[in-house]
PDB file of N, CA and C in Angstrom:
ATOM      1  N   MET A   1      21.021  -1.839   5.644  1.00  0.00           N
ATOM      2  CA  MET A   1      19.874  -1.931   4.742  1.00  0.00           C
ATOM      3  C   MET A   1      18.645  -2.370   5.545  1.00  0.00           C
ATOM      4  N   GLU A   2      17.782  -1.430   5.814  1.00  0.00           N
ATOM      5  CA  GLU A   2      16.591  -1.717   6.607  1.00  0.00           C
ATOM      6  C   GLU A   2      15.424  -2.048   5.691  1.00  0.00           C
ATOM      7  N   GLN A   3      14.710  -3.114   6.030  1.00  0.00           N
ATOM      8  CA  GLN A   3      13.554  -3.503   5.230  1.00  0.00           C
ATOM      9  C   GLN A   3      12.281  -3.045   5.931  1.00  0.00           C
ATOM     10  N   SER A   4      11.338  -2.516   5.144  1.00  0.00           N
ATOM     11  CA  SER A   4      10.072  -2.084   5.729  1.00  0.00           C
ATOM     12  C   SER A   4       9.062  -3.217   5.663  1.00  0.00           C
ATOM     13  N   LEU A   5       8.256  -3.293   6.696  1.00  0.00           N
ATOM     14  CA  LEU A   5       7.204  -4.301   6.736  1.00  0.00           C
ATOM     15  C   LEU A   5       5.878  -3.650   6.363  1.00  0.00           C
ATOM     16  N   LEU A   6       5.150  -4.321   5.479  1.00  0.00           N
ATOM     17  CA  LEU A   6       3.851  -3.849   5.017  1.00  0.00           C
ATOM     18  C   LEU A   6       2.766  -4.619   5.767  1.00  0.00           C
ATOM     19  N   ASN A   7       1.919  -3.897   6.499  1.00  0.00           N
ATOM     20  CA  ASN A   7       0.834  -4.515   7.261  1.00  0.00           C
ATOM     21  C   ASN A   7      -0.244  -4.982   6.282  1.00  0.00           C
ATOM     22  N   ILE A   8      -0.530  -6.295   6.295  1.00  0.00           N
ATOM     23  CA  ILE A   8      -1.568  -6.841   5.406  1.00  0.00           C
ATOM     24  C   ILE A   8      -2.787  -7.297   6.196  1.00  0.00           C
ATOM     25  N   GLY A   9      -2.853  -6.860   7.454  1.00  0.00           N
ATOM     26  CA  GLY A   9      -4.037  -7.096   8.266  1.00  0.00           C
ATOM     27  C   GLY A   9      -3.905  -8.169   9.314  1.00  0.00           C
ATOM     28  N   PHE A  10      -4.579  -7.954  10.437  1.00  0.00           N
ATOM     29  CA  PHE A  10      -4.690  -8.917  11.531  1.00  0.00           C
ATOM     30  C   PHE A  10      -3.329  -9.361  12.057  1.00  0.00           C
ATOM     31  N   GLY A  11      -2.401  -8.402  12.141  1.00  0.00           N
ATOM     32  CA  GLY A  11      -1.092  -8.685  12.703  1.00  0.00           C
ATOM     33  C   GLY A  11      -0.114  -9.334  11.733  1.00  0.00           C
ATOM     34  N   SER A  12      -0.489  -9.504  10.490  1.00  0.00           N
ATOM     35  CA  SER A  12       0.394 -10.112   9.503  1.00  0.00           C
ATOM     36  C   SER A  12       1.095  -9.030   8.686  1.00  0.00           C
ATOM     37  N   THR A  13       2.354  -9.295   8.341  1.00  0.00           N
ATOM     38  CA  THR A  13       3.123  -8.353   7.540  1.00  0.00           C
ATOM     39  C   THR A  13       3.924  -9.101   6.479  1.00  0.00           C
ATOM     40  N   VAL A  14       4.307  -8.379   5.422  1.00  0.00           N
ATOM     41  CA  VAL A  14       5.234  -8.896   4.413  1.00  0.00           C
ATOM     42  C   VAL A  14       6.325  -7.841   4.229  1.00  0.00           C
ATOM     43  N   VAL A  15       7.471  -8.255   3.702  1.00  0.00           N
ATOM     44  CA  VAL A  15       8.554  -7.314   3.431  1.00  0.00           C
ATOM     45  C   VAL A  15       8.174  -6.510   2.192  1.00  0.00           C
ATOM     46  N   ALA A  16       8.014  -5.203   2.365  1.00  0.00           N
ATOM     47  CA  ALA A  16       7.491  -4.335   1.297  1.00  0.00           C
ATOM     48  C   ALA A  16       8.354  -4.374   0.035  1.00  0.00           C
ATOM     49  N   GLU A  17       9.667  -4.450   0.203  1.00  0.00           N
ATOM     50  CA  GLU A  17      10.573  -4.431  -0.945  1.00  0.00           C
ATOM     51  C   GLU A  17      10.436  -5.674  -1.834  1.00  0.00           C
ATOM     52  N   ARG A  18       9.809  -6.723  -1.330  1.00  0.00           N
ATOM     53  CA  ARG A  18       9.676  -7.970  -2.078  1.00  0.00           C
ATOM     54  C   ARG A  18       8.323  -8.110  -2.760  1.00  0.00           C
ATOM     55  N   VAL A  19       7.436  -7.128  -2.580  1.00  0.00           N
ATOM     56  CA  VAL A  19       6.108  -7.160  -3.197  1.00  0.00           C
ATOM     57  C   VAL A  19       6.228  -6.808  -4.676  1.00  0.00           C
ATOM     58  N   VAL A  20       5.649  -7.652  -5.526  1.00  0.00           N
ATOM     59  CA  VAL A  20       5.636  -7.407  -6.969  1.00  0.00           C
ATOM     60  C   VAL A  20       4.306  -6.778  -7.375  1.00  0.00           C
ATOM     61  N   ALA A  21       3.197  -7.309  -6.818  1.00  0.00           N
ATOM     62  CA  ALA A  21       1.872  -6.800  -7.190  1.00  0.00           C
ATOM     63  C   ALA A  21       0.884  -7.024  -6.060  1.00  0.00           C
ATOM     64  N   ILE A  22      -0.105  -6.120  -6.002  1.00  0.00           N
ATOM     65  CA  ILE A  22      -1.231  -6.247  -5.072  1.00  0.00           C
ATOM     66  C   ILE A  22      -2.473  -6.201  -5.948  1.00  0.00           C
ATOM     67  N   VAL A  23      -3.211  -7.312  -6.013  1.00  0.00           N
ATOM     68  CA  VAL A  23      -4.328  -7.410  -6.955  1.00  0.00           C
ATOM     69  C   VAL A  23      -5.605  -7.868  -6.261  1.00  0.00           C
ATOM     70  N   SER A  24      -6.711  -7.596  -6.937  1.00  0.00           N
ATOM     71  CA  SER A  24      -8.022  -8.043  -6.466  1.00  0.00           C
ATOM     72  C   SER A  24      -8.215  -9.510  -6.864  1.00  0.00           C
ATOM     73  N   PRO A  25      -8.853 -10.314  -6.027  1.00  0.00           N
ATOM     74  CA  PRO A  25      -8.972 -11.750  -6.302  1.00  0.00           C
ATOM     75  C   PRO A  25     -10.183 -12.148  -7.148  1.00  0.00           C
ATOM     76  N   ASN A  26     -10.895 -11.173  -7.700  1.00  0.00           N
ATOM     77  CA  ASN A  26     -12.193 -11.478  -8.304  1.00  0.00           C
ATOM     78  C   ASN A  26     -12.151 -12.076  -9.705  1.00  0.00           C
ATOM     79  N   SER A  27     -11.078 -11.877 -10.453  1.00  0.00           N
ATOM     80  CA  SER A  27     -11.048 -12.367 -11.833  1.00  0.00           C
ATOM     81  C   SER A  27     -10.651 -13.838 -11.898  1.00  0.00           C
ATOM     82  N   ALA A  28     -11.026 -14.472 -12.983  1.00  0.00           N
ATOM     83  CA  ALA A  28     -10.695 -15.892 -13.189  1.00  0.00           C
ATOM     84  C   ALA A  28      -9.180 -16.134 -13.199  1.00  0.00           C
ATOM     85  N   PRO A  29      -8.371 -15.285 -13.859  1.00  0.00           N
ATOM     86  CA  PRO A  29      -6.919 -15.523 -13.818  1.00  0.00           C
ATOM     87  C   PRO A  29      -6.341 -15.462 -12.407  1.00  0.00           C
ATOM     88  N   MET A  30      -6.878 -14.588 -11.563  1.00  0.00           N
ATOM     89  CA  MET A  30      -6.378 -14.497 -10.188  1.00  0.00           C
ATOM     90  C   MET A  30      -6.782 -15.730  -9.376  1.00  0.00           C
ATOM     91  N   LYS A  31      -7.970 -16.252  -9.631  1.00  0.00           N
ATOM     92  CA  LYS A  31      -8.394 -17.484  -8.959  1.00  0.00           C
ATOM     93  C   LYS A  31      -7.504 -18.646  -9.388  1.00  0.00           C
ATOM     94  N   ARG A  32      -7.144 -18.659 -10.674  1.00  0.00           N
ATOM     95  CA  ARG A  32      -6.252 -19.697 -11.198  1.00  0.00           C
ATOM     96  C   ARG A  32      -4.854 -19.562 -10.573  1.00  0.00           C
ATOM     97  N   LEU A  33      -4.388 -18.326 -10.453  1.00  0.00           N
ATOM     98  CA  LEU A  33      -3.086 -18.062  -9.827  1.00  0.00           C
ATOM     99  C   LEU A  33      -3.067 -18.596  -8.393  1.00  0.00           C
ATOM    100  N   LYS A  34      -4.135 -18.328  -7.668  1.00  0.00           N
ATOM    101  CA  LYS A  34      -4.251 -18.795  -6.284  1.00  0.00           C
ATOM    102  C   LYS A  34      -4.252 -20.323  -6.220  1.00  0.00           C
ATOM    103  N   ASP A  35      -5.032 -20.958  -7.099  1.00  0.00           N
ATOM    104  CA  ASP A  35      -5.101 -22.422  -7.118  1.00  0.00           C
ATOM    105  C   ASP A  35      -3.757 -23.049  -7.478  1.00  0.00           C
ATOM    106  N   ASP A  36      -3.067 -22.458  -8.454  1.00  0.00           N
ATOM    107  CA  ASP A  36      -1.749 -22.974  -8.854  1.00  0.00           C
ATOM    108  C   ASP A  36      -0.745 -22.844  -7.714  1.00  0.00           C
ATOM    109  N   ALA A  37      -0.786 -21.714  -7.013  1.00  0.00           N
ATOM    110  CA  ALA A  37       0.128 -21.497  -5.893  1.00  0.00           C
ATOM    111  C   ALA A  37      -0.148 -22.501  -4.772  1.00  0.00           C
ATOM    112  N   LYS A  38      -1.416 -22.782  -4.525  1.00  0.00           N
ATOM    113  CA  LYS A  38      -1.770 -23.747  -3.484  1.00  0.00           C
ATOM    114  C   LYS A  38      -1.258 -25.133  -3.850  1.00  0.00           C
ATOM    115  N   GLU A  39      -1.426 -25.492  -5.109  1.00  0.00           N
ATOM    116  CA  GLU A  39      -0.976 -26.798  -5.595  1.00  0.00           C
ATOM    117  C   GLU A  39       0.548 -26.933  -5.484  1.00  0.00           C
ATOM    118  N   ASP A  40       1.273 -25.844  -5.752  1.00  0.00           N
ATOM    119  CA  ASP A  40       2.743 -25.852  -5.706  1.00  0.00           C
ATOM    120  C   ASP A  40       3.294 -25.520  -4.317  1.00  0.00           C
ATOM    121  N   LYS A  41       2.410 -25.399  -3.323  1.00  0.00           N
ATOM    122  CA  LYS A  41       2.789 -25.068  -1.946  1.00  0.00           C
ATOM    123  C   LYS A  41       3.527 -23.726  -1.861  1.00  0.00           C
ATOM    124  N   ARG A  42       3.051 -22.732  -2.613  1.00  0.00           N
ATOM    125  CA  ARG A  42       3.598 -21.368  -2.592  1.00  0.00           C
ATOM    126  C   ARG A  42       2.580 -20.382  -2.036  1.00  0.00           C
ATOM    127  N   LEU A  43       1.457 -20.889  -1.523  1.00  0.00           N
ATOM    128  CA  LEU A  43       0.370 -20.039  -1.050  1.00  0.00           C
ATOM    129  C   LEU A  43       0.499 -19.785   0.447  1.00  0.00           C
ATOM    130  N   VAL A  44       0.406 -18.503   0.845  1.00  0.00           N
ATOM    131  CA  VAL A  44       0.403 -18.136   2.260  1.00  0.00           C
ATOM    132  C   VAL A  44      -0.950 -17.485   2.529  1.00  0.00           C
ATOM    133  N   ASP A  45      -1.753 -18.129   3.369  1.00  0.00           N
ATOM    134  CA  ASP A  45      -3.088 -17.612   3.678  1.00  0.00           C
ATOM    135  C   ASP A  45      -3.027 -16.793   4.962  1.00  0.00           C
ATOM    136  N   ALA A  46      -3.101 -15.467   4.817  1.00  0.00           N
ATOM    137  CA  ALA A  46      -3.061 -14.571   5.973  1.00  0.00           C
ATOM    138  C   ALA A  46      -4.435 -13.945   6.229  1.00  0.00           C
ATOM    139  N   THR A  47      -5.496 -14.637   5.817  1.00  0.00           N
ATOM    140  CA  THR A  47      -6.850 -14.097   5.970  1.00  0.00           C
ATOM    141  C   THR A  47      -7.446 -14.354   7.351  1.00  0.00           C
ATOM    142  N   HIS A  48      -6.858 -15.246   8.116  1.00  0.00           N
ATOM    143  CA  HIS A  48      -7.385 -15.612   9.436  1.00  0.00           C
ATOM    144  C   HIS A  48      -8.834 -16.072   9.343  1.00  0.00           C
ATOM    145  N   GLY A  49      -9.144 -16.839   8.315  1.00  0.00           N
ATOM    146  CA  GLY A  49     -10.477 -17.406   8.162  1.00  0.00           C
ATOM    147  C   GLY A  49     -11.504 -16.480   7.543  1.00  0.00           C
ATOM    148  N   ARG A  50     -11.102 -15.278   7.202  1.00  0.00           N
ATOM    149  CA  ARG A  50     -12.035 -14.325   6.584  1.00  0.00           C
ATOM    150  C   ARG A  50     -11.984 -14.443   5.067  1.00  0.00           C
ATOM    151  N   ARG A  51     -12.877 -13.713   4.420  1.00  0.00           N
ATOM    152  CA  ARG A  51     -12.938 -13.724   2.953  1.00  0.00           C
ATOM    153  C   ARG A  51     -11.697 -13.067   2.358  1.00  0.00           C
ATOM    154  N   THR A  52     -11.138 -13.656   1.295  1.00  0.00           N
ATOM    155  CA  THR A  52      -9.973 -13.086   0.618  1.00  0.00           C
ATOM    156  C   THR A  52     -10.399 -11.849  -0.152  1.00  0.00           C
ATOM    157  N   ARG A  53      -9.760 -10.713   0.147  1.00  0.00           N
ATOM    158  CA  ARG A  53     -10.085  -9.455  -0.533  1.00  0.00           C
ATOM    159  C   ARG A  53      -8.921  -8.916  -1.355  1.00  0.00           C
ATOM    160  N   SER A  54      -7.732  -9.503  -1.169  1.00  0.00           N
ATOM    161  CA  SER A  54      -6.596  -9.117  -2.015  1.00  0.00           C
ATOM    162  C   SER A  54      -5.580 -10.252  -2.085  1.00  0.00           C
ATOM    163  N   ILE A  55      -4.844 -10.247  -3.182  1.00  0.00           N
ATOM    164  CA  ILE A  55      -3.778 -11.219  -3.410  1.00  0.00           C
ATOM    165  C   ILE A  55      -2.494 -10.427  -3.599  1.00  0.00           C
ATOM    166  N   ILE A  56      -1.468 -10.805  -2.854  1.00  0.00           N
ATOM    167  CA  ILE A  56      -0.179 -10.128  -2.934  1.00  0.00           C
ATOM    168  C   ILE A  56       0.813 -11.112  -3.544  1.00  0.00           C
ATOM    169  N   ILE A  57       1.429 -10.694  -4.630  1.00  0.00           N
ATOM    170  CA  ILE A  57       2.400 -11.544  -5.320  1.00  0.00           C
ATOM    171  C   ILE A  57       3.795 -11.061  -4.930  1.00  0.00           C
ATOM    172  N   MET A  58       4.617 -11.990  -4.476  1.00  0.00           N
ATOM    173  CA  MET A  58       5.959 -11.665  -4.003  1.00  0.00           C
ATOM    174  C   MET A  58       7.010 -12.008  -5.058  1.00  0.00           C
ATOM    175  N   ASP A  59       8.208 -11.431  -4.927  1.00  0.00           N
ATOM    176  CA  ASP A  59       9.268 -11.709  -5.892  1.00  0.00           C
ATOM    177  C   ASP A  59       9.805 -13.135  -5.791  1.00  0.00           C
ATOM    178  N   SER A  60       9.490 -13.823  -4.710  1.00  0.00           N
ATOM    179  CA  SER A  60       9.897 -15.224  -4.534  1.00  0.00           C
ATOM    180  C   SER A  60       8.900 -16.176  -5.202  1.00  0.00           C
ATOM    181  N   ASN A  61       7.896 -15.605  -5.882  1.00  0.00           N
ATOM    182  CA  ASN A  61       6.825 -16.353  -6.547  1.00  0.00           C
ATOM    183  C   ASN A  61       5.793 -16.886  -5.555  1.00  0.00           C
ATOM    184  N   HIS A  62       5.873 -16.469  -4.291  1.00  0.00           N
ATOM    185  CA  HIS A  62       4.852 -16.832  -3.322  1.00  0.00           C
ATOM    186  C   HIS A  62       3.632 -15.941  -3.537  1.00  0.00           C
ATOM    187  N   VAL A  63       2.473 -16.469  -3.183  1.00  0.00           N
ATOM    188  CA  VAL A  63       1.211 -15.742  -3.296  1.00  0.00           C
ATOM    189  C   VAL A  63       0.625 -15.647  -1.890  1.00  0.00           C
ATOM    190  N   VAL A  64       0.371 -14.414  -1.448  1.00  0.00           N
ATOM    191  CA  VAL A  64      -0.132 -14.168  -0.089  1.00  0.00           C
ATOM    192  C   VAL A  64      -1.566 -13.666  -0.189  1.00  0.00           C
ATOM    193  N   LEU A  65      -2.469 -14.291   0.566  1.00  0.00           N
ATOM    194  CA  LEU A  65      -3.865 -13.876   0.600  1.00  0.00           C
ATOM    195  C   LEU A  65      -4.098 -12.993   1.819  1.00  0.00           C
ATOM    196  N   SER A  66      -4.879 -11.937   1.623  1.00  0.00           N
ATOM    197  CA  SER A  66      -5.200 -11.037   2.731  1.00  0.00           C
ATOM    198  C   SER A  66      -6.695 -10.740   2.740  1.00  0.00           C
ATOM    199  N   ALA A  67      -7.227 -10.487   3.926  1.00  0.00           N
ATOM    200  CA  ALA A  67      -8.641 -10.135   4.071  1.00  0.00           C
ATOM    201  C   ALA A  67      -8.855  -8.630   3.992  1.00  0.00           C
ATOM    202  N   ILE A  68      -7.792  -7.873   3.733  1.00  0.00           N
ATOM    203  CA  ILE A  68      -7.880  -6.413   3.600  1.00  0.00           C
ATOM    204  C   ILE A  68      -8.006  -6.069   2.114  1.00  0.00           C
ATOM    205  N   GLN A  69      -8.792  -5.049   1.806  1.00  0.00           N
ATOM    206  CA  GLN A  69      -8.982  -4.626   0.405  1.00  0.00           C
ATOM    207  C   GLN A  69      -7.639  -4.277  -0.239  1.00  0.00           C
ATOM    208  N   SER A  70      -7.499  -4.608  -1.525  1.00  0.00           N
ATOM    209  CA  SER A  70      -6.249  -4.324  -2.229  1.00  0.00           C
ATOM    210  C   SER A  70      -5.948  -2.818  -2.271  1.00  0.00           C
ATOM    211  N   GLU A  71      -6.991  -1.989  -2.362  1.00  0.00           N
ATOM    212  CA  GLU A  71      -6.790  -0.536  -2.374  1.00  0.00           C
ATOM    213  C   GLU A  71      -6.167  -0.066  -1.060  1.00  0.00           C
ATOM    214  N   THR A  72      -6.617  -0.618   0.042  1.00  0.00           N
ATOM    215  CA  THR A  72      -6.093  -0.251   1.363  1.00  0.00           C
ATOM    216  C   THR A  72      -4.627  -0.654   1.489  1.00  0.00           C
ATOM    217  N   ILE A  73      -4.305  -1.862   1.054  1.00  0.00           N
ATOM    218  CA  ILE A  73      -2.914  -2.324   1.126  1.00  0.00           C
ATOM    219  C   ILE A  73      -2.035  -1.480   0.210  1.00  0.00           C
ATOM    220  N   SER A  74      -2.543  -1.121  -0.955  1.00  0.00           N
ATOM    221  CA  SER A  74      -1.790  -0.268  -1.885  1.00  0.00           C
ATOM    222  C   SER A  74      -1.499   1.090  -1.259  1.00  0.00           C
ATOM    223  N   GLN A  75      -2.486   1.656  -0.559  1.00  0.00           N
ATOM    224  CA  GLN A  75      -2.286   2.939   0.116  1.00  0.00           C
ATOM    225  C   GLN A  75      -1.215   2.814   1.199  1.00  0.00           C
ATOM    226  N   ARG A  76      -1.252   1.723   1.954  1.00  0.00           N
ATOM    227  CA  ARG A  76      -0.245   1.500   2.998  1.00  0.00           C
ATOM    228  C   ARG A  76       1.150   1.368   2.366  1.00  0.00           C
ATOM    229  N   TYR A  77       1.212   0.683   1.225  1.00  0.00           N
ATOM    230  CA  TYR A  77       2.476   0.505   0.514  1.00  0.00           C
ATOM    231  C   TYR A  77       3.025   1.859   0.063  1.00  0.00           C
ATOM    232  N   THR A  78       2.151   2.696  -0.474  1.00  0.00           N
ATOM    233  CA  THR A  78       2.547   4.033  -0.930  1.00  0.00           C
ATOM    234  C   THR A  78       3.052   4.864   0.251  1.00  0.00           C
ATOM    235  N   MET A  79       2.368   4.787   1.389  1.00  0.00           N
ATOM    236  CA  MET A  79       2.770   5.545   2.570  1.00  0.00           C
ATOM    237  C   MET A  79       4.154   5.114   3.066  1.00  0.00           C
ATOM    238  N   LEU A  80       4.484   3.831   2.950  1.00  0.00           N
ATOM    239  CA  LEU A  80       5.802   3.354   3.356  1.00  0.00           C
ATOM    240  C   LEU A  80       6.890   4.026   2.528  1.00  0.00           C
ATOM    241  N   GLY A  81       6.647   4.185   1.232  1.00  0.00           N
ATOM    242  CA  GLY A  81       7.602   4.812   0.334  1.00  0.00           C
ATOM    243  C   GLY A  81       7.819   6.275   0.654  1.00  0.00           C
ATOM    244  N   GLN A  82       6.804   6.937   1.201  1.00  0.00           N
ATOM    245  CA  GLN A  82       6.912   8.361   1.526  1.00  0.00           C
ATOM    246  C   GLN A  82       7.655   8.602   2.834  1.00  0.00           C
ATOM    247  N   ASP A  83       7.733   7.570   3.683  1.00  0.00           N
ATOM    248  CA  ASP A  83       8.409   7.710   4.968  1.00  0.00           C
ATOM    249  C   ASP A  83       9.924   7.779   4.837  1.00  0.00           C
ATOM    250  N   GLU A  84      10.445   7.271   3.717  1.00  0.00           N
ATOM    251  CA  GLU A  84      11.909   7.205   3.549  1.00  0.00           C
ATOM    252  C   GLU A  84      12.492   8.555   3.236  1.00  0.00           C
TER     253      GLU A  84
END
């Protein structure tokens, strides 16, 4: 059982099969989700100091921040599915 890695920018990857959602961080509920995850120590910041442009929600309930646009990550995710 091989797991695919999804590139979320700047050398960071997540296991594609564990991704639940890729969302934009601009809405109030997403900001609240990020704050709650940080408070519960479930937040992984993969932005490398850049502005957060997407939030990736994992099946482990972890929240991953990325500096890459959510549309770009979604396209990469779709391409991974086509490679199989």
